[in-house]
Protein backbone atom coordinates (compact mmCIF):
# COMPACT_ATOMS: atom_id res chain seq x y z
CA MET A 1 5.89 7.93 1.16
CA PRO A 2 2.42 7.56 -0.26
CA LEU A 3 2.52 7.55 -4.35
CA THR A 4 0.35 10.62 -4.61
CA THR A 5 2.40 12.71 -2.60
CA GLY A 6 3.44 15.67 -4.57
CA LEU A 7 1.09 15.04 -7.34
CA PRO A 8 -1.91 17.68 -8.59
CA GLY A 9 -4.99 17.54 -6.16
CA HIS A 10 -3.10 15.59 -3.19
CA ASP A 11 -4.64 16.07 -0.31
CA ARG A 12 -2.90 15.12 3.30
CA ALA A 13 -6.11 15.60 4.91
CA VAL A 14 -8.07 12.89 2.91
CA GLU A 15 -4.85 10.63 3.06
CA ASP A 16 -4.85 10.89 6.50
CA GLU A 17 -8.70 10.26 6.84
CA ILE A 18 -8.15 7.06 4.70
CA GLU A 19 -5.25 5.96 6.61
CA GLN A 20 -7.46 6.38 9.85
CA ALA A 21 -10.51 4.41 8.38
CA VAL A 22 -7.81 1.42 7.66
CA VAL A 23 -6.43 1.13 11.44
CA THR A 24 -9.85 1.52 12.71
CA SER A 25 -10.87 -1.49 10.42
CA ASP A 26 -7.50 -3.37 11.12
CA LEU A 27 -8.55 -2.64 14.98
CA CYS A 28 -12.23 -3.66 14.68
CA ALA A 29 -11.17 -6.86 12.71
CA ALA A 30 -8.88 -7.66 15.60
CA LEU A 31 -11.04 -7.03 18.20
CA ARG A 32 -13.35 -9.41 17.36
CA ARG A 33 -10.56 -11.97 18.04
CA VAL A 34 -10.35 -11.34 21.53
CA PRO A 35 -12.26 -13.59 23.89
CA PRO A 36 -15.88 -11.47 24.94
CA ASP A 37 -14.81 -10.99 28.74
CA GLN A 38 -11.26 -9.65 27.57
CA ARG A 39 -12.58 -7.48 25.30
CA LEU A 40 -15.43 -6.20 27.80
CA ALA A 41 -12.85 -5.45 30.27
CA MET A 42 -10.54 -3.53 27.46
CA ALA A 43 -13.69 -1.73 26.20
CA TYR A 44 -13.81 -0.43 29.77
CA TYR A 45 -10.37 0.72 30.45
CA LEU A 46 -10.54 2.48 27.27
CA GLU A 47 -13.31 4.42 28.46
CA ASP A 48 -10.89 5.05 31.19
CA LEU A 49 -12.94 3.23 33.87
CA THR A 50 -10.42 2.43 36.83
CA HIS A 51 -9.78 -1.32 37.80
CA PRO A 52 -12.24 -0.77 40.93
CA VAL A 53 -14.92 0.17 38.45
CA ILE A 54 -14.42 -2.68 35.82
CA ALA A 55 -14.09 -4.86 38.29
CA GLU A 56 -17.70 -3.95 40.09
CA GLN A 57 -19.17 -3.88 36.51
CA LEU A 58 -18.03 -7.38 35.73
CA GLY A 59 -18.39 -8.54 39.33
CA ILE A 60 -15.32 -9.48 39.51
CA THR A 61 -12.07 -8.58 41.91
CA GLU A 62 -9.94 -5.55 40.88
CA GLN A 63 -6.70 -8.30 40.38
CA GLN A 64 -8.76 -10.25 37.96
CA SER A 65 -9.85 -6.95 36.12
CA ARG A 66 -6.10 -5.71 35.47
CA ASP A 67 -5.75 -9.83 34.02
CA LEU A 68 -8.40 -9.75 32.06
CA ILE A 69 -6.94 -6.42 30.73
CA LYS A 70 -3.07 -7.49 30.52
CA ARG A 71 -4.43 -10.97 28.49
CA ALA A 72 -6.40 -8.47 26.02
CA ARG A 73 -3.66 -6.33 25.30
CA THR A 74 -1.60 -9.96 24.94
CA ALA A 75 -4.54 -11.20 22.89
CA LEU A 76 -5.32 -7.98 20.78
CA ARG A 77 -1.23 -7.93 20.26
CA VAL A 78 -1.16 -11.65 18.43
CA ALA A 79 -4.51 -10.85 16.66
CA LEU A 80 -3.12 -7.42 15.25
CA LEU A 81 0.10 -9.89 14.18
CA ALA A 82 -2.12 -12.79 12.55
CA TYR A 83 -4.40 -10.08 10.80
CA HIS A 84 -1.45 -8.49 9.25
CA GLY A 85 0.21 -11.82 8.31
CA LYS A 86 3.28 -11.77 10.79
CA SER A 87 4.41 -14.27 13.56
CA GLY A 88 6.33 -13.37 16.41
CA ASP A 89 7.18 -13.18 20.54
CA PRO A 90 3.46 -11.32 22.01
CA ARG A 91 5.49 -9.94 24.34
């Protein structure tokens, strides 16, 4: 529970906005640690592009698109754990 909860002037919306900014900053920092080809494939994937479209955009096969996304997820997980100073199995 945040220290400001229950204090006069406490604004949950402002608190949520700050928390969202921190999460966004953490995610951006972690994404910078993901290899560029994986980062690009993940960006397309997060834009709701399908594997056939991602493959066409990157000049690779659909299976290679799936593999890049899988590796990007793992790399992002590892990067986020490292960013927060935690270790553990990336699976």
